[in-house]
Amino acid sequence: MGSSKRDGIEAYTNWYPTQNISIQLAYTWSNFRYSSPDSIKNQVLPNSPEHQLCGDASYRFARHLEVGIGCEMQSKWYIYTDKIHSNVYQDGFFLYNARISYDFKISHVKVIASFFMKNLNDTQYIAFTEPDPDGNSYQPAARREIFFSLRFRF
């Protein structure tokens, strides 16, 4: 569709204030804009939030049980790039997550059982859009999600 200029910064840090506590934080700033053709020059690329932030904190009880909470944030992003639809956008949103895991051994096999809930606040949002012949096809994100997993390490 045209050329673009993409500026951005990504940063990540983790901190362990005690042996049982883990805190992680990741941030992305992006400024993605078309540089040509002139009809869309300086317009923001679709599906490109300016700010994204992810945070996670966990606490390990004893040696086997871990609980954690997390948050994901995206600022407003535009769905269309033309001037006619410049007010069509996905509002910014926060998602809150929680998890619990327990690890144990069966013989010489380490087993990790985990339970994870994503989007606890049941936020409705558009995950992404993709062009189709009739315009943009909206792909809604899943609402509240629940996962259970078992991992085996031999």
C-alpha atoms as a PDB file:
ATOM      1  CA  MET A   1       0.000   0.000   0.000  1.00  0.00           C
ATOM      2  CA  GLY A   2       2.926   2.329   0.580  1.00  0.00           C
ATOM      3  CA  SER A   3       6.107   2.925   2.489  1.00  0.00           C
ATOM      4  CA  SER A   4       6.268   3.485   6.204  1.00  0.00           C
ATOM      5  CA  LYS A   5       8.582   4.822   8.870  1.00  0.00           C
ATOM      6  CA  ARG A   6       8.622   2.790  12.075  1.00  0.00           C
ATOM      7  CA  ASP A   7      10.167   4.207  15.230  1.00  0.00           C
ATOM      8  CA  GLY A   8       9.935   2.505  18.580  1.00  0.00           C
ATOM      9  CA  ILE A   9      11.468   1.489  21.876  1.00  0.00           C
ATOM     10  CA  GLU A  10      11.114  -1.744  23.813  1.00  0.00           C
ATOM     11  CA  ALA A  11      12.183  -2.254  27.394  1.00  0.00           C
ATOM     12  CA  TYR A  12      12.022  -5.233  29.737  1.00  0.00           C
ATOM     13  CA  THR A  13      13.061  -5.711  33.324  1.00  0.00           C
ATOM     14  CA  ASN A  14      12.636  -8.297  36.017  1.00  0.00           C
ATOM     15  CA  TRP A  15      13.271  -8.003  39.714  1.00  0.00           C
ATOM     16  CA  TYR A  16      13.534 -10.576  42.464  1.00  0.00           C
ATOM     17  CA  PRO A  17      13.184  -8.671  45.767  1.00  0.00           C
ATOM     18  CA  THR A  18      13.283 -12.008  47.611  1.00  0.00           C
ATOM     19  CA  GLN A  19      13.933 -15.570  46.556  1.00  0.00           C
ATOM     20  CA  ASN A  20      10.167 -16.226  46.400  1.00  0.00           C
ATOM     21  CA  ILE A  21       8.980 -13.060  44.643  1.00  0.00           C
ATOM     22  CA  SER A  22       9.347 -12.300  40.935  1.00  0.00           C
ATOM     23  CA  ILE A  23       8.248  -9.074  39.236  1.00  0.00           C
ATOM     24  CA  GLN A  24       8.476  -8.527  35.474  1.00  0.00           C
ATOM     25  CA  LEU A  25       7.603  -5.504  33.399  1.00  0.00           C
ATOM     26  CA  ALA A  26       7.745  -4.965  29.619  1.00  0.00           C
ATOM     27  CA  TYR A  27       6.901  -1.772  27.720  1.00  0.00           C
ATOM     28  CA  THR A  28       6.753  -0.948  24.013  1.00  0.00           C
ATOM     29  CA  TRP A  29       6.373   2.492  22.466  1.00  0.00           C
ATOM     30  CA  SER A  30       5.825   2.636  18.732  1.00  0.00           C
ATOM     31  CA  ASN A  31       5.256   5.364  16.203  1.00  0.00           C
ATOM     32  CA  PHE A  32       4.409   3.625  12.923  1.00  0.00           C
ATOM     33  CA  ARG A  33       3.337   6.002  10.146  1.00  0.00           C
ATOM     34  CA  TYR A  34       3.034   5.901   6.372  1.00  0.00           C
ATOM     35  CA  SER A  35       5.691   7.896   4.542  1.00  0.00           C
ATOM     36  CA  SER A  36       4.125   7.442   1.090  1.00  0.00           C
ATOM     37  CA  PRO A  37       2.024   7.810  -0.973  1.00  0.00           C
ATOM     38  CA  ASP A  38       1.111  11.422  -0.216  1.00  0.00           C
ATOM     39  CA  SER A  39      -2.603  10.555   0.164  1.00  0.00           C
ATOM     40  CA  ILE A  40      -1.841   8.686   3.431  1.00  0.00           C
ATOM     41  CA  LYS A  41       1.485  10.235   4.420  1.00  0.00           C
ATOM     42  CA  ASN A  42       1.857  10.633   8.240  1.00  0.00           C
ATOM     43  CA  GLN A  43      -1.226   8.525   8.957  1.00  0.00           C
ATOM     44  CA  VAL A  44      -0.799   5.837  11.612  1.00  0.00           C
ATOM     45  CA  LEU A  45      -0.512   2.243  10.432  1.00  0.00           C
ATOM     46  CA  PRO A  46      -3.540   0.144  11.401  1.00  0.00           C
ATOM     47  CA  ASN A  47      -3.289  -2.302  14.319  1.00  0.00           C
ATOM     48  CA  SER A  48      -0.393  -0.355  15.838  1.00  0.00           C
ATOM     49  CA  PRO A  49      -1.003   0.846  19.396  1.00  0.00           C
ATOM     50  CA  GLU A  50       1.401   3.555  20.505  1.00  0.00           C
ATOM     51  CA  HIS A  51       1.792   2.063  24.003  1.00  0.00           C
ATOM     52  CA  GLN A  52       1.827  -1.550  25.186  1.00  0.00           C
ATOM     53  CA  LEU A  53       2.596  -2.607  28.728  1.00  0.00           C
ATOM     54  CA  CYS A  54       2.742  -6.055  30.334  1.00  0.00           C
ATOM     55  CA  GLY A  55       3.362  -6.707  33.994  1.00  0.00           C
ATOM     56  CA  ASP A  56       3.545  -9.856  36.067  1.00  0.00           C
ATOM     57  CA  ALA A  57       4.163 -10.634  39.724  1.00  0.00           C
ATOM     58  CA  SER A  58       4.457 -14.058  41.278  1.00  0.00           C
ATOM     59  CA  TYR A  59       5.029 -15.533  44.702  1.00  0.00           C
ATOM     60  CA  ARG A  60       6.348 -19.034  45.400  1.00  0.00           C
ATOM     61  CA  PHE A  61       5.061 -20.654  48.571  1.00  0.00           C
ATOM     62  CA  ALA A  62       7.511 -23.198  49.967  1.00  0.00           C
ATOM     63  CA  ARG A  63       9.012 -25.060  47.011  1.00  0.00           C
ATOM     64  CA  HIS A  64       6.051 -26.353  45.070  1.00  0.00           C
ATOM     65  CA  LEU A  65       3.200 -23.818  44.886  1.00  0.00           C
ATOM     66  CA  GLU A  66       3.343 -20.574  42.898  1.00  0.00           C
ATOM     67  CA  VAL A  67       0.646 -17.933  42.376  1.00  0.00           C
ATOM     68  CA  GLY A  68       0.803 -14.998  40.026  1.00  0.00           C
ATOM     69  CA  ILE A  69      -1.112 -12.031  38.702  1.00  0.00           C
ATOM     70  CA  GLY A  70      -0.574 -10.101  35.524  1.00  0.00           C
ATOM     71  CA  CYS A  71      -1.814  -7.187  33.487  1.00  0.00           C
ATOM     72  CA  GLU A  72      -1.698  -6.342  29.777  1.00  0.00           C
ATOM     73  CA  MET A  73      -2.438  -2.863  28.430  1.00  0.00           C
ATOM     74  CA  GLN A  74      -2.714  -1.455  24.934  1.00  0.00           C
ATOM     75  CA  SER A  75      -3.474   2.143  24.041  1.00  0.00           C
ATOM     76  CA  LYS A  76      -5.955   3.104  21.339  1.00  0.00           C
ATOM     77  CA  TRP A  77      -5.122   1.909  17.819  1.00  0.00           C
ATOM     78  CA  TYR A  78      -6.667   2.709  14.476  1.00  0.00           C
ATOM     79  CA  ILE A  79      -8.483   0.194  12.309  1.00  0.00           C
ATOM     80  CA  TYR A  80      -8.533   2.171   9.049  1.00  0.00           C
ATOM     81  CA  THR A  81      -5.875   4.457   7.626  1.00  0.00           C
ATOM     82  CA  ASP A  82      -7.906   6.643   5.293  1.00  0.00           C
ATOM     83  CA  LYS A  83      -9.132  10.115   6.286  1.00  0.00           C
ATOM     84  CA  ILE A  84     -12.795   9.161   5.834  1.00  0.00           C
ATOM     85  CA  HIS A  85     -12.580   6.514   8.600  1.00  0.00           C
ATOM     86  CA  SER A  86     -10.013   8.235  10.830  1.00  0.00           C
ATOM     87  CA  ASN A  87     -12.351   7.954  13.822  1.00  0.00           C
ATOM     88  CA  VAL A  88     -12.651   4.158  13.577  1.00  0.00           C
ATOM     89  CA  TYR A  89     -10.435   2.714  16.257  1.00  0.00           C
ATOM     90  CA  GLN A  90     -10.128   0.203  19.082  1.00  0.00           C
ATOM     91  CA  ASP A  91     -10.189   1.923  22.450  1.00  0.00           C
ATOM     92  CA  GLY A  92      -7.314   1.227  24.782  1.00  0.00           C
ATOM     93  CA  PHE A  93      -7.862  -1.588  27.254  1.00  0.00           C
ATOM     94  CA  PHE A  94      -6.469  -3.474  30.238  1.00  0.00           C
ATOM     95  CA  LEU A  95      -6.597  -7.244  30.697  1.00  0.00           C
ATOM     96  CA  TYR A  96      -6.035  -8.834  34.095  1.00  0.00           C
ATOM     97  CA  ASN A  97      -4.757 -12.397  34.457  1.00  0.00           C
ATOM     98  CA  ALA A  98      -4.186 -14.864  37.308  1.00  0.00           C
ATOM     99  CA  ARG A  99      -2.457 -18.211  37.582  1.00  0.00           C
ATOM    100  CA  ILE A 100      -1.513 -20.911  40.035  1.00  0.00           C
ATOM    101  CA  SER A 101       0.872 -23.808  39.560  1.00  0.00           C
ATOM    102  CA  TYR A 102       2.041 -26.743  41.595  1.00  0.00           C
ATOM    103  CA  ASP A 103       5.063 -28.885  40.826  1.00  0.00           C
ATOM    104  CA  PHE A 104       5.780 -32.349  42.155  1.00  0.00           C
ATOM    105  CA  LYS A 105       7.565 -35.565  41.216  1.00  0.00           C
ATOM    106  CA  ILE A 106       6.263 -38.943  40.168  1.00  0.00           C
ATOM    107  CA  SER A 107       9.205 -41.305  40.363  1.00  0.00           C
ATOM    108  CA  HIS A 108      11.937 -39.439  38.417  1.00  0.00           C
ATOM    109  CA  VAL A 109       9.534 -37.317  36.383  1.00  0.00           C
ATOM    110  CA  LYS A 110       8.906 -33.683  37.335  1.00  0.00           C
ATOM    111  CA  VAL A 111       5.248 -32.697  36.830  1.00  0.00           C
ATOM    112  CA  ILE A 112       3.920 -29.142  36.753  1.00  0.00           C
ATOM    113  CA  ALA A 113       0.168 -28.666  36.974  1.00  0.00           C
ATOM    114  CA  SER A 114      -1.070 -25.161  36.250  1.00  0.00           C
ATOM    115  CA  PHE A 115      -4.320 -23.233  36.039  1.00  0.00           C
ATOM    116  CA  PHE A 116      -4.439 -19.888  34.195  1.00  0.00           C
ATOM    117  CA  MET A 117      -7.241 -17.351  33.708  1.00  0.00           C
ATOM    118  CA  LYS A 118      -6.796 -14.628  31.099  1.00  0.00           C
ATOM    119  CA  ASN A 119      -8.973 -11.522  30.831  1.00  0.00           C
ATOM    120  CA  LEU A 120     -10.512 -11.878  34.287  1.00  0.00           C
ATOM    121  CA  ASN A 121     -12.391  -8.609  33.771  1.00  0.00           C
ATOM    122  CA  ASP A 122     -14.078 -10.070  30.631  1.00  0.00           C
ATOM    123  CA  THR A 123     -13.110  -7.102  28.450  1.00  0.00           C
ATOM    124  CA  GLN A 124     -14.485  -7.007  24.904  1.00  0.00           C
ATOM    125  CA  TYR A 125     -11.942  -5.833  22.353  1.00  0.00           C
ATOM    126  CA  ILE A 126     -10.796  -6.376  18.790  1.00  0.00           C
ATOM    127  CA  ALA A 127      -7.657  -8.520  18.673  1.00  0.00           C
ATOM    128  CA  PHE A 128      -6.735  -7.429  15.133  1.00  0.00           C
ATOM    129  CA  THR A 129      -8.231  -6.607  11.766  1.00  0.00           C
ATOM    130  CA  GLU A 130      -7.349  -7.868   8.322  1.00  0.00           C
ATOM    131  CA  PRO A 131      -8.296  -6.511   4.916  1.00  0.00           C
ATOM    132  CA  ASP A 132     -10.896  -8.369   2.911  1.00  0.00           C
ATOM    133  CA  PRO A 133     -12.760  -7.494  -0.324  1.00  0.00           C
ATOM    134  CA  ASP A 134     -15.613  -5.845   1.588  1.00  0.00           C
ATOM    135  CA  GLY A 135     -13.425  -3.744   3.911  1.00  0.00           C
ATOM    136  CA  ASN A 136     -11.722  -4.745   7.122  1.00  0.00           C
ATOM    137  CA  SER A 137     -12.574  -8.011   8.753  1.00  0.00           C
ATOM    138  CA  TYR A 138     -12.753  -7.585  12.530  1.00  0.00           C
ATOM    139  CA  GLN A 139     -11.306 -10.391  14.621  1.00  0.00           C
ATOM    140  CA  PRO A 140     -12.735 -10.176  18.134  1.00  0.00           C
ATOM    141  CA  ALA A 141     -10.528 -11.427  20.925  1.00  0.00           C
ATOM    142  CA  ALA A 142     -11.637 -14.192  23.211  1.00  0.00           C
ATOM    143  CA  ARG A 143     -13.415 -13.024  26.311  1.00  0.00           C
ATOM    144  CA  ARG A 144     -12.469 -14.631  29.626  1.00  0.00           C
ATOM    145  CA  GLU A 145     -10.269 -17.675  28.955  1.00  0.00           C
ATOM    146  CA  ILE A 146      -9.429 -20.567  31.275  1.00  0.00           C
ATOM    147  CA  PHE A 147      -6.513 -22.940  30.738  1.00  0.00           C
ATOM    148  CA  PHE A 148      -5.313 -26.014  32.571  1.00  0.00           C
ATOM    149  CA  SER A 149      -2.035 -27.721  31.722  1.00  0.00           C
ATOM    150  CA  LEU A 150       0.167 -30.589  32.795  1.00  0.00           C
ATOM    151  CA  ARG A 151       3.852 -30.571  31.866  1.00  0.00           C
ATOM    152  CA  PHE A 152       6.108 -33.559  32.268  1.00  0.00           C
ATOM    153  CA  ARG A 153       9.897 -33.197  32.379  1.00  0.00           C
ATOM    154  CA  PHE A 154      11.873 -36.382  31.937  1.00  0.00           C
END
